[in-house]
Amino acid sequence: MANAPAAKKSLRQTVTRTARNRTKMKAVRELRKEIEAAIEEKKDTKELVSKLFKAIDKATKANVLHKNTAARMKSRFQKMTNASAK
């Protein structure tokens, strides 16, 4: 356990930031799973993809995701949805 006041504050900040980051990443993960399920069922994914892109952009803006990781994720899901539309 942290003894110094600065270490205690650091611990509090870490807990807060971890919780915030988890909620943002959970939103991304849940939407990814929904899209993958919709693609398997051959459903329309246009709405879900826009929601996923919005969640990815929010996570990137909050520095939860690196911008290149976000771009790669968006690119891959766009490819998947385009392939399933054909």
Protein backbone atom coordinates (compact mmCIF):
# COMPACT_ATOMS: atom_id res chain seq x y z
CA MET A 1 0.00 0.00 0.00
CA ALA A 2 1.14 3.53 -0.75
CA ASN A 3 2.52 5.47 2.21
CA ALA A 4 3.51 8.86 0.79
CA PRO A 5 0.71 11.36 0.10
CA ALA A 6 1.81 11.68 -3.54
CA ALA A 7 1.71 7.91 -3.95
CA LYS A 8 -1.79 7.79 -2.47
CA LYS A 9 -2.95 10.48 -4.87
CA SER A 10 -1.34 8.61 -7.76
CA LEU A 11 -3.23 5.49 -6.76
CA ARG A 12 -6.54 7.39 -6.67
CA GLN A 13 -5.85 8.87 -10.10
CA THR A 14 -4.97 5.47 -11.52
CA VAL A 15 -8.22 3.95 -10.28
CA THR A 16 -10.25 6.79 -11.79
CA ARG A 17 -8.44 6.70 -15.12
CA THR A 18 -8.60 2.92 -15.37
CA ALA A 19 -12.36 2.99 -14.84
CA ARG A 20 -12.78 5.68 -17.48
CA ASN A 21 -10.61 3.82 -19.98
CA ARG A 22 -12.43 0.55 -19.36
CA THR A 23 -15.83 2.07 -20.13
CA LYS A 24 -14.57 3.52 -23.41
CA MET A 25 -12.94 0.27 -24.49
CA LYS A 26 -15.96 -1.76 -23.40
CA ALA A 27 -18.15 0.30 -25.71
CA VAL A 28 -15.76 -0.38 -28.61
CA ARG A 29 -15.56 -4.11 -27.83
CA GLU A 30 -19.33 -4.53 -27.55
CA LEU A 31 -19.95 -2.78 -30.86
CA ARG A 32 -17.24 -4.90 -32.53
CA LYS A 33 -18.99 -8.06 -31.36
CA GLU A 34 -22.38 -6.77 -32.54
CA ILE A 35 -20.99 -6.01 -35.99
CA GLU A 36 -19.28 -9.39 -36.28
CA ALA A 37 -22.54 -11.12 -35.32
CA ALA A 38 -24.52 -9.00 -37.78
CA ILE A 39 -22.06 -9.84 -40.57
CA GLU A 40 -22.42 -13.56 -39.85
CA GLU A 41 -26.21 -13.23 -39.94
CA LYS A 42 -25.97 -11.14 -43.14
CA LYS A 43 -27.76 -8.17 -41.59
CA ASP A 44 -27.28 -4.51 -42.46
CA THR A 45 -24.34 -3.10 -40.52
CA LYS A 46 -24.30 0.49 -41.73
CA GLU A 47 -25.75 1.93 -38.50
CA LEU A 48 -23.56 -0.23 -36.28
CA VAL A 49 -20.41 0.76 -38.17
CA SER A 50 -21.11 4.45 -37.69
CA LYS A 51 -21.66 3.83 -33.96
CA LEU A 52 -18.41 1.87 -33.79
CA PHE A 53 -16.48 4.60 -35.59
CA LYS A 54 -17.89 7.17 -33.17
CA ALA A 55 -16.84 5.04 -30.18
CA ILE A 56 -13.37 4.52 -31.66
CA ASP A 57 -12.98 8.25 -32.29
CA LYS A 58 -14.02 9.06 -28.72
CA ALA A 59 -11.54 6.54 -27.32
CA THR A 60 -8.81 7.99 -29.53
CA LYS A 61 -9.60 11.53 -28.46
CA ALA A 62 -9.30 10.46 -24.81
CA ASN A 63 -5.93 8.77 -25.54
CA VAL A 64 -7.32 5.34 -24.73
CA LEU A 65 -6.47 4.17 -28.25
CA HIS A 66 -3.51 5.26 -30.34
CA LYS A 67 -4.55 7.05 -33.54
CA ASN A 68 -2.90 4.43 -35.75
CA THR A 69 -4.66 1.62 -33.89
CA ALA A 70 -7.96 3.43 -34.35
CA ALA A 71 -7.30 3.92 -38.06
CA ARG A 72 -6.41 0.25 -38.46
CA MET A 73 -9.57 -0.88 -36.64
CA LYS A 74 -11.76 1.41 -38.71
CA SER A 75 -10.14 0.27 -41.94
CA ARG A 76 -10.57 -3.41 -41.13
CA PHE A 77 -14.21 -3.05 -40.16
CA GLN A 78 -14.95 -1.00 -43.25
CA LYS A 79 -13.38 -3.77 -45.35
CA MET A 80 -15.43 -6.41 -43.54
CA THR A 81 -18.71 -4.58 -44.04
CA ASN A 82 -17.95 -3.86 -47.69
CA ALA A 83 -17.15 -7.53 -48.29
CA SER A 84 -20.34 -8.67 -46.56
CA ALA A 85 -22.45 -6.24 -48.59
CA LYS A 86 -21.44 -7.90 -51.84
